[in-house]
């Protein structure tokens, strides 16, 4: 009897492991190939700026936002990630990658070696981008200077360091559907919706997350704890931006200056360095879309901690 029980448990365990292995297997890199397309590096530069690539991948502590040697530490509740080198360096960057490998990495979160990337890389948003834009981004990156130097490994504890588990996370939280324009809105609104929800990946920071790190859909764009661990990311629905005009939003994206003459700080200051490079039309499109977002109540903000010197 005991032997039968043990055999049944062994078979159940083997079946469970087989299902896990099947669910978490990354699709082959060759499964996605860019369609026939004449590269447009100029559009790639727009994609680069809209996607905020330099915010994470520029070498920290130096002024050149096009020196993409990586190394920025990205803290999270699951450990600290380090942005990789995406310069065209053939040894340490993406110089030997094919266009198909790049498209797979950006839109599916799959490395050329066939493993899952951690979702600190916001491919859950980039998955909604047009393949042509990602192909053009690849062409633009190849025009930049190669930067040598390997980035250190991520500092992520067990079990979050098991990349295979990301396959389950993708099933739960990744929607790879392409962006579909809404005929009920203007071309400007649709351009803004595309930039915000795909390349701009605004929801990745401006939305609260559940205990597994997935965005809470009902509170998308409603702000919440800073994923990097310090401060609070603001609500960018009309609950938070109701007093801002479209011109205010567009001006902020260009200059980092708010309607009350405050300035962007922290990681948003890095974002402004990118959005300031976009065309005025693209900034206006983003503003148009953000002003259309209905007000959504975000998570409760913790009480402010008293500082030394505060009056009781």
C-alpha atoms as a PDB file:
ATOM      1  CA  UNK A   1       0.000   0.000   0.000  1.00  0.00           C
ATOM      2  CA  UNK A   2       2.778   2.382   0.988  1.00  0.00           C
ATOM      3  CA  UNK A   3       4.609   1.554  -2.224  1.00  0.00           C
ATOM      4  CA  UNK A   4       1.526   2.512  -4.259  1.00  0.00           C
ATOM      5  CA  UNK A   5       1.176   5.790  -2.380  1.00  0.00           C
ATOM      6  CA  UNK A   6       4.821   6.647  -2.951  1.00  0.00           C
ATOM      7  CA  UNK A   7       4.565   5.718  -6.611  1.00  0.00           C
ATOM      8  CA  UNK A   8       1.461   7.864  -6.985  1.00  0.00           C
ATOM      9  CA  UNK A   9       3.192  10.805  -5.320  1.00  0.00           C
ATOM     10  CA  UNK A  10       6.237  10.363  -7.554  1.00  0.00           C
ATOM     11  CA  UNK A  11       4.084  10.272 -10.684  1.00  0.00           C
ATOM     12  CA  UNK A  12       2.082  13.307  -9.536  1.00  0.00           C
ATOM     13  CA  UNK A  13       5.315  15.166  -8.805  1.00  0.00           C
ATOM     14  CA  UNK A  14       6.758  14.261 -12.201  1.00  0.00           C
ATOM     15  CA  UNK A  15       3.553  15.354 -13.923  1.00  0.00           C
ATOM     16  CA  UNK A  16       3.519  18.621 -11.975  1.00  0.00           C
ATOM     17  CA  UNK A  17       7.142  19.320 -12.831  1.00  0.00           C
ATOM     18  CA  UNK A  18       6.435  18.532 -16.483  1.00  0.00           C
ATOM     19  CA  UNK A  19       3.544  20.991 -16.543  1.00  0.00           C
ATOM     20  CA  UNK A  20       5.708  23.632 -14.834  1.00  0.00           C
ATOM     21  CA  UNK A  21       8.537  23.061 -17.331  1.00  0.00           C
ATOM     22  CA  UNK A  22       6.121  23.351 -20.246  1.00  0.00           C
ATOM     23  CA  UNK A  23       4.411  26.505 -18.938  1.00  0.00           C
ATOM     24  CA  UNK A  24       7.662  28.283 -18.155  1.00  0.00           C
ATOM     25  CA  UNK A  25       9.524  27.414 -21.366  1.00  0.00           C
ATOM     26  CA  UNK A  26      10.443  30.543 -23.354  1.00  0.00           C
ATOM     27  CA  UNK A  27       9.382  30.320 -27.007  1.00  0.00           C
ATOM     28  CA  UNK A  28      12.188  29.895 -29.487  1.00  0.00           C
ATOM     29  CA  UNK A  29      13.871  33.104 -30.570  1.00  0.00           C
ATOM     30  CA  UNK A  30      13.204  32.193 -34.187  1.00  0.00           C
ATOM     31  CA  UNK A  31       9.460  32.298 -33.465  1.00  0.00           C
ATOM     32  CA  UNK A  32       9.464  36.055 -33.947  1.00  0.00           C
ATOM     33  CA  UNK A  33      11.176  37.622 -36.904  1.00  0.00           C
ATOM     34  CA  UNK A  34      10.880  41.209 -38.026  1.00  0.00           C
ATOM     35  CA  UNK A  35       8.959  41.603 -41.291  1.00  0.00           C
ATOM     36  CA  UNK A  36      10.650  42.985 -44.385  1.00  0.00           C
ATOM     37  CA  UNK A  37      11.363  46.561 -43.429  1.00  0.00           C
ATOM     38  CA  UNK A  38      13.770  49.288 -44.515  1.00  0.00           C
ATOM     39  CA  UNK A  39      15.371  50.554 -41.300  1.00  0.00           C
ATOM     40  CA  UNK A  40      14.671  54.171 -40.416  1.00  0.00           C
ATOM     41  CA  UNK A  41      17.204  55.305 -37.792  1.00  0.00           C
ATOM     42  CA  UNK A  42      15.488  58.703 -37.497  1.00  0.00           C
ATOM     43  CA  UNK A  43      12.305  57.009 -36.332  1.00  0.00           C
ATOM     44  CA  UNK A  44      14.516  54.786 -34.199  1.00  0.00           C
ATOM     45  CA  UNK A  45      15.777  57.884 -32.422  1.00  0.00           C
ATOM     46  CA  UNK A  46      12.177  58.921 -31.702  1.00  0.00           C
ATOM     47  CA  UNK A  47      11.508  55.422 -30.368  1.00  0.00           C
ATOM     48  CA  UNK A  48      14.675  55.640 -28.261  1.00  0.00           C
ATOM     49  CA  UNK A  49      13.506  58.900 -26.673  1.00  0.00           C
ATOM     50  CA  UNK A  50       9.900  57.804 -26.234  1.00  0.00           C
ATOM     51  CA  UNK A  51      11.058  54.537 -24.669  1.00  0.00           C
ATOM     52  CA  UNK A  52      13.352  56.266 -22.204  1.00  0.00           C
ATOM     53  CA  UNK A  53      16.224  53.933 -23.058  1.00  0.00           C
ATOM     54  CA  UNK A  54      18.920  56.251 -21.751  1.00  0.00           C
ATOM     55  CA  UNK A  55      17.155  56.650 -18.387  1.00  0.00           C
ATOM     56  CA  UNK A  56      18.252  53.145 -17.413  1.00  0.00           C
ATOM     57  CA  UNK A  57      20.986  52.158 -19.849  1.00  0.00           C
ATOM     58  CA  UNK A  58      23.262  55.214 -19.915  1.00  0.00           C
ATOM     59  CA  UNK A  59      26.388  54.748 -17.820  1.00  0.00           C
ATOM     60  CA  UNK A  60      25.677  56.384 -14.428  1.00  0.00           C
ATOM     61  CA  UNK A  61      27.625  59.412 -13.282  1.00  0.00           C
ATOM     62  CA  UNK A  62      28.559  60.852 -16.677  1.00  0.00           C
ATOM     63  CA  UNK A  63      26.750  63.415 -18.857  1.00  0.00           C
ATOM     64  CA  UNK A  64      26.475  61.564 -22.178  1.00  0.00           C
ATOM     65  CA  UNK A  65      22.983  60.033 -22.359  1.00  0.00           C
ATOM     66  CA  UNK A  66      24.020  58.093 -25.482  1.00  0.00           C
ATOM     67  CA  UNK A  67      26.812  56.187 -23.751  1.00  0.00           C
ATOM     68  CA  UNK A  68      24.747  53.044 -23.201  1.00  0.00           C
ATOM     69  CA  UNK A  69      27.117  50.898 -21.180  1.00  0.00           C
ATOM     70  CA  UNK A  70      24.503  50.249 -18.481  1.00  0.00           C
ATOM     71  CA  UNK A  71      25.206  49.652 -14.816  1.00  0.00           C
ATOM     72  CA  UNK A  72      22.370  51.622 -13.193  1.00  0.00           C
ATOM     73  CA  UNK A  73      21.098  49.912 -10.031  1.00  0.00           C
ATOM     74  CA  UNK A  74      17.322  49.429 -10.035  1.00  0.00           C
ATOM     75  CA  UNK A  75      16.066  48.545  -6.536  1.00  0.00           C
ATOM     76  CA  UNK A  76      12.821  46.607  -6.139  1.00  0.00           C
ATOM     77  CA  UNK A  77      10.999  44.543  -3.505  1.00  0.00           C
ATOM     78  CA  UNK A  78      12.466  41.445  -5.207  1.00  0.00           C
ATOM     79  CA  UNK A  79      16.108  42.506  -5.211  1.00  0.00           C
ATOM     80  CA  UNK A  80      18.347  44.913  -7.089  1.00  0.00           C
ATOM     81  CA  UNK A  81      18.603  44.723 -10.866  1.00  0.00           C
ATOM     82  CA  UNK A  82      21.376  46.273 -12.941  1.00  0.00           C
ATOM     83  CA  UNK A  83      20.619  47.716 -16.365  1.00  0.00           C
ATOM     84  CA  UNK A  84      22.657  45.933 -19.051  1.00  0.00           C
ATOM     85  CA  UNK A  85      24.962  47.312 -21.705  1.00  0.00           C
ATOM     86  CA  UNK A  86      22.893  47.930 -24.874  1.00  0.00           C
ATOM     87  CA  UNK A  87      25.582  49.727 -26.829  1.00  0.00           C
ATOM     88  CA  UNK A  88      26.714  48.114 -30.126  1.00  0.00           C
ATOM     89  CA  UNK A  89      29.832  46.749 -28.472  1.00  0.00           C
ATOM     90  CA  UNK A  90      30.248  43.217 -29.906  1.00  0.00           C
ATOM     91  CA  UNK A  91      31.614  41.680 -26.700  1.00  0.00           C
ATOM     92  CA  UNK A  92      29.736  43.407 -23.895  1.00  0.00           C
ATOM     93  CA  UNK A  93      26.724  44.950 -25.619  1.00  0.00           C
ATOM     94  CA  UNK A  94      24.315  43.960 -28.390  1.00  0.00           C
ATOM     95  CA  UNK A  95      26.730  44.304 -31.280  1.00  0.00           C
ATOM     96  CA  UNK A  96      26.358  40.662 -32.319  1.00  0.00           C
ATOM     97  CA  UNK A  97      22.590  40.482 -31.928  1.00  0.00           C
ATOM     98  CA  UNK A  98      20.319  39.988 -34.905  1.00  0.00           C
ATOM     99  CA  UNK A  99      17.288  42.175 -35.475  1.00  0.00           C
ATOM    100  CA  UNK A 100      14.995  39.241 -34.651  1.00  0.00           C
ATOM    101  CA  UNK A 101      16.815  38.657 -31.352  1.00  0.00           C
ATOM    102  CA  UNK A 102      16.411  42.322 -30.473  1.00  0.00           C
ATOM    103  CA  UNK A 103      12.680  42.319 -31.309  1.00  0.00           C
ATOM    104  CA  UNK A 104      12.215  39.208 -29.176  1.00  0.00           C
ATOM    105  CA  UNK A 105      14.073  40.769 -26.264  1.00  0.00           C
ATOM    106  CA  UNK A 106      12.158  44.036 -26.320  1.00  0.00           C
ATOM    107  CA  UNK A 107       8.654  42.758 -27.034  1.00  0.00           C
ATOM    108  CA  UNK A 108       8.728  39.299 -25.425  1.00  0.00           C
ATOM    109  CA  UNK A 109      11.375  39.542 -22.753  1.00  0.00           C
ATOM    110  CA  UNK A 110      13.417  36.674 -24.184  1.00  0.00           C
ATOM    111  CA  UNK A 111      17.210  36.744 -24.408  1.00  0.00           C
ATOM    112  CA  UNK A 112      19.151  35.558 -27.474  1.00  0.00           C
ATOM    113  CA  UNK A 113      20.158  32.557 -25.350  1.00  0.00           C
ATOM    114  CA  UNK A 114      16.492  31.668 -24.928  1.00  0.00           C
ATOM    115  CA  UNK A 115      15.919  32.596 -21.275  1.00  0.00           C
ATOM    116  CA  UNK A 116      13.386  34.955 -19.720  1.00  0.00           C
ATOM    117  CA  UNK A 117      14.407  38.480 -18.856  1.00  0.00           C
ATOM    118  CA  UNK A 118      13.204  39.759 -15.498  1.00  0.00           C
ATOM    119  CA  UNK A 119      10.284  42.211 -15.826  1.00  0.00           C
ATOM    120  CA  UNK A 120      12.357  45.039 -14.351  1.00  0.00           C
ATOM    121  CA  UNK A 121      12.895  45.427 -18.112  1.00  0.00           C
ATOM    122  CA  UNK A 122       9.457  46.865 -19.033  1.00  0.00           C
ATOM    123  CA  UNK A 123       8.769  44.540 -21.953  1.00  0.00           C
ATOM    124  CA  UNK A 124       5.200  44.118 -20.697  1.00  0.00           C
ATOM    125  CA  UNK A 125       4.612  47.603 -22.120  1.00  0.00           C
ATOM    126  CA  UNK A 126       6.981  47.348 -25.069  1.00  0.00           C
ATOM    127  CA  UNK A 127       4.992  44.280 -26.151  1.00  0.00           C
ATOM    128  CA  UNK A 128       2.330  46.704 -27.427  1.00  0.00           C
ATOM    129  CA  UNK A 129       4.799  48.558 -29.670  1.00  0.00           C
ATOM    130  CA  UNK A 130       4.908  48.276 -33.446  1.00  0.00           C
ATOM    131  CA  UNK A 131       7.568  45.864 -34.666  1.00  0.00           C
ATOM    132  CA  UNK A 132       8.712  48.492 -37.177  1.00  0.00           C
ATOM    133  CA  UNK A 133       9.420  50.935 -34.353  1.00  0.00           C
ATOM    134  CA  UNK A 134      11.498  48.334 -32.493  1.00  0.00           C
ATOM    135  CA  UNK A 135      13.366  47.440 -35.690  1.00  0.00           C
ATOM    136  CA  UNK A 136      14.097  51.127 -36.263  1.00  0.00           C
ATOM    137  CA  UNK A 137      15.291  51.409 -32.657  1.00  0.00           C
ATOM    138  CA  UNK A 138      17.749  48.582 -33.330  1.00  0.00           C
ATOM    139  CA  UNK A 139      19.010  50.429 -36.410  1.00  0.00           C
ATOM    140  CA  UNK A 140      19.451  53.624 -34.374  1.00  0.00           C
ATOM    141  CA  UNK A 141      21.315  51.888 -31.548  1.00  0.00           C
ATOM    142  CA  UNK A 142      23.803  50.541 -34.085  1.00  0.00           C
ATOM    143  CA  UNK A 143      24.716  54.139 -35.008  1.00  0.00           C
ATOM    144  CA  UNK A 144      25.853  54.907 -31.448  1.00  0.00           C
ATOM    145  CA  UNK A 145      29.340  54.451 -30.036  1.00  0.00           C
ATOM    146  CA  UNK A 146      30.163  51.017 -28.589  1.00  0.00           C
ATOM    147  CA  UNK A 147      30.911  50.995 -24.875  1.00  0.00           C
ATOM    148  CA  UNK A 148      33.028  48.207 -23.413  1.00  0.00           C
ATOM    149  CA  UNK A 149      32.470  46.756 -19.977  1.00  0.00           C
ATOM    150  CA  UNK A 150      30.335  43.970 -18.556  1.00  0.00           C
ATOM    151  CA  UNK A 151      27.611  44.891 -16.088  1.00  0.00           C
ATOM    152  CA  UNK A 152      27.551  42.972 -12.817  1.00  0.00           C
ATOM    153  CA  UNK A 153      24.953  40.274 -12.163  1.00  0.00           C
ATOM    154  CA  UNK A 154      21.612  41.115 -10.587  1.00  0.00           C
ATOM    155  CA  UNK A 155      21.415  40.862  -6.814  1.00  0.00           C
ATOM    156  CA  UNK A 156      18.167  38.905  -6.530  1.00  0.00           C
ATOM    157  CA  UNK A 157      17.603  36.300  -3.797  1.00  0.00           C
ATOM    158  CA  UNK A 158      16.015  32.875  -4.135  1.00  0.00           C
ATOM    159  CA  UNK A 159      13.368  32.089  -5.382  1.00  0.00           C
ATOM    160  CA  UNK A 160      13.049  35.292  -7.402  1.00  0.00           C
ATOM    161  CA  UNK A 161      16.372  34.645  -9.125  1.00  0.00           C
ATOM    162  CA  UNK A 162      14.975  31.591 -10.951  1.00  0.00           C
ATOM    163  CA  UNK A 163      14.323  32.951 -14.419  1.00  0.00           C
ATOM    164  CA  UNK A 164      12.167  29.990 -15.300  1.00  0.00           C
ATOM    165  CA  UNK A 165       9.537  31.264 -12.848  1.00  0.00           C
ATOM    166  CA  UNK A 166       9.164  34.403 -14.942  1.00  0.00           C
ATOM    167  CA  UNK A 167       7.290  32.246 -17.455  1.00  0.00           C
ATOM    168  CA  UNK A 168       4.460  31.862 -14.927  1.00  0.00           C
ATOM    169  CA  UNK A 169       4.602  35.598 -14.173  1.00  0.00           C
ATOM    170  CA  UNK A 170       4.218  36.369 -17.880  1.00  0.00           C
ATOM    171  CA  UNK A 171       1.140  34.130 -18.112  1.00  0.00           C
ATOM    172  CA  UNK A 172      -0.417  36.017 -15.191  1.00  0.00           C
ATOM    173  CA  UNK A 173       0.510  39.591 -16.039  1.00  0.00           C
ATOM    174  CA  UNK A 174       1.748  40.001 -19.609  1.00  0.00           C
ATOM    175  CA  UNK A 175      -0.655  40.944 -22.384  1.00  0.00           C
ATOM    176  CA  UNK A 176       1.266  40.805 -25.640  1.00  0.00           C
ATOM    177  CA  UNK A 177      -1.535  42.151 -27.804  1.00  0.00           C
ATOM    178  CA  UNK A 178      -0.493  44.922 -30.223  1.00  0.00           C
ATOM    179  CA  UNK A 179      -1.873  48.420 -29.787  1.00  0.00           C
ATOM    180  CA  UNK A 180      -5.098  48.939 -31.736  1.00  0.00           C
ATOM    181  CA  UNK A 181      -6.158  52.537 -32.520  1.00  0.00           C
ATOM    182  CA  UNK A 182      -9.580  53.602 -31.258  1.00  0.00           C
ATOM    183  CA  UNK A 183     -11.648  54.995 -34.146  1.00  0.00           C
ATOM    184  CA  UNK A 184     -13.761  56.965 -31.658  1.00  0.00           C
ATOM    185  CA  UNK A 185     -10.783  59.222 -30.932  1.00  0.00           C
ATOM    186  CA  UNK A 186      -8.578  61.554 -32.942  1.00  0.00           C
ATOM    187  CA  UNK A 187      -5.231  60.589 -34.501  1.00  0.00           C
ATOM    188  CA  UNK A 188      -3.521  62.782 -31.884  1.00  0.00           C
ATOM    189  CA  UNK A 189      -5.240  60.940 -29.014  1.00  0.00           C
ATOM    190  CA  UNK A 190      -4.325  57.578 -30.537  1.00  0.00           C
ATOM    191  CA  UNK A 191      -0.708  58.620 -30.924  1.00  0.00           C
ATOM    192  CA  UNK A 192      -0.682  59.639 -27.264  1.00  0.00           C
ATOM    193  CA  UNK A 193      -2.327  56.378 -26.200  1.00  0.00           C
ATOM    194  CA  UNK A 194       0.287  54.441 -28.159  1.00  0.00           C
ATOM    195  CA  UNK A 195       3.226  56.350 -26.667  1.00  0.00           C
ATOM    196  CA  UNK A 196       1.933  56.181 -23.087  1.00  0.00           C
ATOM    197  CA  UNK A 197       0.931  52.515 -23.108  1.00  0.00           C
ATOM    198  CA  UNK A 198       3.747  51.038 -25.158  1.00  0.00           C
ATOM    199  CA  UNK A 199       7.038  52.866 -25.664  1.00  0.00           C
ATOM    200  CA  UNK A 200       6.598  55.333 -22.802  1.00  0.00           C
ATOM    201  CA  UNK A 201       5.673  52.497 -20.383  1.00  0.00           C
ATOM    202  CA  UNK A 202       4.183  55.100 -18.021  1.00  0.00           C
ATOM    203  CA  UNK A 203       2.049  52.562 -16.171  1.00  0.00           C
ATOM    204  CA  UNK A 204       5.135  50.631 -15.081  1.00  0.00           C
ATOM    205  CA  UNK A 205       5.977  53.284 -12.480  1.00  0.00           C
ATOM    206  CA  UNK A 206       2.680  55.146 -12.125  1.00  0.00           C
ATOM    207  CA  UNK A 207       0.608  52.122 -11.059  1.00  0.00           C
ATOM    208  CA  UNK A 208       0.482  50.164  -7.806  1.00  0.00           C
ATOM    209  CA  UNK A 209       1.494  46.507  -7.889  1.00  0.00           C
ATOM    210  CA  UNK A 210       0.352  43.381  -6.111  1.00  0.00           C
ATOM    211  CA  UNK A 211       2.535  41.094  -3.996  1.00  0.00           C
ATOM    212  CA  UNK A 212       3.790  39.305  -7.135  1.00  0.00           C
ATOM    213  CA  UNK A 213       4.826  42.548  -8.802  1.00  0.00           C
ATOM    214  CA  UNK A 214       1.967  42.675 -11.292  1.00  0.00           C
ATOM    215  CA  UNK A 215       0.211  45.964 -12.031  1.00  0.00           C
ATOM    216  CA  UNK A 216      -3.184  46.264 -10.319  1.00  0.00           C
ATOM    217  CA  UNK A 217      -5.348  46.819 -13.398  1.00  0.00           C
ATOM    218  CA  UNK A 218      -8.160  48.644 -11.602  1.00  0.00           C
ATOM    219  CA  UNK A 219      -5.671  51.276 -10.386  1.00  0.00           C
ATOM    220  CA  UNK A 220      -3.618  51.654 -13.549  1.00  0.00           C
ATOM    221  CA  UNK A 221      -1.961  55.106 -13.634  1.00  0.00           C
ATOM    222  CA  UNK A 222      -3.246  55.870 -10.104  1.00  0.00           C
ATOM    223  CA  UNK A 223       0.216  56.153  -8.541  1.00  0.00           C
ATOM    224  CA  UNK A 224       1.595  54.336  -5.544  1.00  0.00           C
ATOM    225  CA  UNK A 225       4.819  53.401  -3.782  1.00  0.00           C
ATOM    226  CA  UNK A 226       7.951  54.064  -5.772  1.00  0.00           C
ATOM    227  CA  UNK A 227       9.106  50.676  -7.162  1.00  0.00           C
ATOM    228  CA  UNK A 228      12.652  51.765  -6.333  1.00  0.00           C
ATOM    229  CA  UNK A 229      11.742  51.930  -2.651  1.00  0.00           C
ATOM    230  CA  UNK A 230      11.773  55.642  -1.790  1.00  0.00           C
ATOM    231  CA  UNK A 231       8.992  58.174  -2.133  1.00  0.00           C
ATOM    232  CA  UNK A 232       5.610  58.035  -3.837  1.00  0.00           C
ATOM    233  CA  UNK A 233       4.863  58.034  -7.562  1.00  0.00           C
ATOM    234  CA  UNK A 234       2.025  60.454  -8.368  1.00  0.00           C
ATOM    235  CA  UNK A 235      -1.412  59.645  -9.725  1.00  0.00           C
ATOM    236  CA  UNK A 236      -1.565  60.708 -13.401  1.00  0.00           C
ATOM    237  CA  UNK A 237      -5.281  60.111 -13.927  1.00  0.00           C
ATOM    238  CA  UNK A 238      -7.591  63.094 -13.551  1.00  0.00           C
ATOM    239  CA  UNK A 239      -7.602  62.345  -9.833  1.00  0.00           C
ATOM    240  CA  UNK A 240      -4.050  63.627  -9.758  1.00  0.00           C
ATOM    241  CA  UNK A 241      -3.846  65.873 -12.844  1.00  0.00           C
ATOM    242  CA  UNK A 242      -7.336  67.346 -12.793  1.00  0.00           C
ATOM    243  CA  UNK A 243      -5.994  70.884 -12.320  1.00  0.00           C
ATOM    244  CA  UNK A 244      -3.438  70.539 -15.099  1.00  0.00           C
ATOM    245  CA  UNK A 245      -4.259  71.631 -18.633  1.00  0.00           C
ATOM    246  CA  UNK A 246      -2.969  69.821 -21.701  1.00  0.00           C
ATOM    247  CA  UNK A 247      -0.514  72.676 -22.171  1.00  0.00           C
ATOM    248  CA  UNK A 248       0.681  72.206 -18.570  1.00  0.00           C
ATOM    249  CA  UNK A 249       1.362  68.525 -19.178  1.00  0.00           C
ATOM    250  CA  UNK A 250       3.135  69.156 -22.481  1.00  0.00           C
ATOM    251  CA  UNK A 251       5.236  71.900 -20.895  1.00  0.00           C
ATOM    252  CA  UNK A 252       6.166  69.615 -18.007  1.00  0.00           C
ATOM    253  CA  UNK A 253       7.271  66.902 -20.437  1.00  0.00           C
ATOM    254  CA  UNK A 254       9.470  69.465 -22.181  1.00  0.00           C
ATOM    255  CA  UNK A 255      10.937  71.291 -19.180  1.00  0.00           C
ATOM    256  CA  UNK A 256      10.189  69.305 -16.030  1.00  0.00           C
ATOM    257  CA  UNK A 257       8.448  72.357 -14.537  1.00  0.00           C
ATOM    258  CA  UNK A 258       5.015  71.903 -12.962  1.00  0.00           C
ATOM    259  CA  UNK A 259       2.180  74.474 -13.016  1.00  0.00           C
ATOM    260  CA  UNK A 260       3.157  75.583  -9.487  1.00  0.00           C
ATOM    261  CA  UNK A 261       6.787  76.069 -10.565  1.00  0.00           C
ATOM    262  CA  UNK A 262       8.120  72.960  -8.863  1.00  0.00           C
ATOM    263  CA  UNK A 263      10.556  70.779 -10.816  1.00  0.00           C
ATOM    264  CA  UNK A 264      10.746  67.077 -11.515  1.00  0.00           C
ATOM    265  CA  UNK A 265      13.160  65.130  -9.360  1.00  0.00           C
ATOM    266  CA  UNK A 266      14.422  61.602  -8.923  1.00  0.00           C
ATOM    267  CA  UNK A 267      13.833  59.162 -11.751  1.00  0.00           C
ATOM    268  CA  UNK A 268      11.300  61.541 -13.354  1.00  0.00           C
ATOM    269  CA  UNK A 269      14.119  64.000 -14.003  1.00  0.00           C
ATOM    270  CA  UNK A 270      15.747  61.306 -16.137  1.00  0.00           C
ATOM    271  CA  UNK A 271      12.451  60.760 -17.942  1.00  0.00           C
ATOM    272  CA  UNK A 272      12.192  64.471 -18.778  1.00  0.00           C
ATOM    273  CA  UNK A 273      15.611  64.316 -20.444  1.00  0.00           C
ATOM    274  CA  UNK A 274      14.002  61.888 -22.880  1.00  0.00           C
ATOM    275  CA  UNK A 275      10.558  63.458 -23.365  1.00  0.00           C
ATOM    276  CA  UNK A 276      12.198  66.847 -23.922  1.00  0.00           C
ATOM    277  CA  UNK A 277      13.747  65.329 -27.057  1.00  0.00           C
ATOM    278  CA  UNK A 278      10.364  64.353 -28.507  1.00  0.00           C
ATOM    279  CA  UNK A 279       8.568  66.552 -30.990  1.00  0.00           C
ATOM    280  CA  UNK A 280       6.069  69.109 -29.702  1.00  0.00           C
ATOM    281  CA  UNK A 281       3.399  67.096 -31.519  1.00  0.00           C
ATOM    282  CA  UNK A 282       4.240  63.928 -29.589  1.00  0.00           C
ATOM    283  CA  UNK A 283       4.240  65.745 -26.250  1.00  0.00           C
ATOM    284  CA  UNK A 284       0.858  67.255 -27.115  1.00  0.00           C
ATOM    285  CA  UNK A 285      -0.429  63.794 -28.034  1.00  0.00           C
ATOM    286  CA  UNK A 286       0.657  62.392 -24.669  1.00  0.00           C
ATOM    287  CA  UNK A 287      -1.029  65.309 -22.916  1.00  0.00           C
ATOM    288  CA  UNK A 288      -4.234  64.756 -24.904  1.00  0.00           C
ATOM    289  CA  UNK A 289      -4.375  61.122 -23.866  1.00  0.00           C
ATOM    290  CA  UNK A 290      -3.523  61.708 -20.202  1.00  0.00           C
ATOM    291  CA  UNK A 291      -6.235  64.362 -19.879  1.00  0.00           C
ATOM    292  CA  UNK A 292      -8.753  61.787 -21.111  1.00  0.00           C
ATOM    293  CA  UNK A 293      -7.995  59.304 -18.332  1.00  0.00           C
ATOM    294  CA  UNK A 294     -10.923  59.163 -15.874  1.00  0.00           C
ATOM    295  CA  UNK A 295     -10.139  59.854 -12.217  1.00  0.00           C
ATOM    296  CA  UNK A 296      -9.024  56.737 -10.358  1.00  0.00           C
ATOM    297  CA  UNK A 297      -8.418  56.583  -6.625  1.00  0.00           C
ATOM    298  CA  UNK A 298      -4.961  55.244  -5.891  1.00  0.00           C
ATOM    299  CA  UNK A 299      -3.783  53.236  -2.882  1.00  0.00           C
ATOM    300  CA  UNK A 300      -3.746  55.031   0.482  1.00  0.00           C
ATOM    301  CA  UNK A 301      -0.578  56.958   1.027  1.00  0.00           C
ATOM    302  CA  UNK A 302       1.182  56.218   4.311  1.00  0.00           C
ATOM    303  CA  UNK A 303       1.310  59.062   6.845  1.00  0.00           C
ATOM    304  CA  UNK A 304       4.295  61.332   6.574  1.00  0.00           C
ATOM    305  CA  UNK A 305       7.043  60.466   9.030  1.00  0.00           C
ATOM    306  CA  UNK A 306       7.979  63.233  11.420  1.00  0.00           C
ATOM    307  CA  UNK A 307      11.467  64.612  10.930  1.00  0.00           C
ATOM    308  CA  UNK A 308      13.852  65.852  13.576  1.00  0.00           C
ATOM    309  CA  UNK A 309      12.934  69.424  14.374  1.00  0.00           C
ATOM    310  CA  UNK A 310       9.247  69.079  13.514  1.00  0.00           C
ATOM    311  CA  UNK A 311       6.958  70.584  16.079  1.00  0.00           C
ATOM    312  CA  UNK A 312       4.763  68.108  17.951  1.00  0.00           C
END
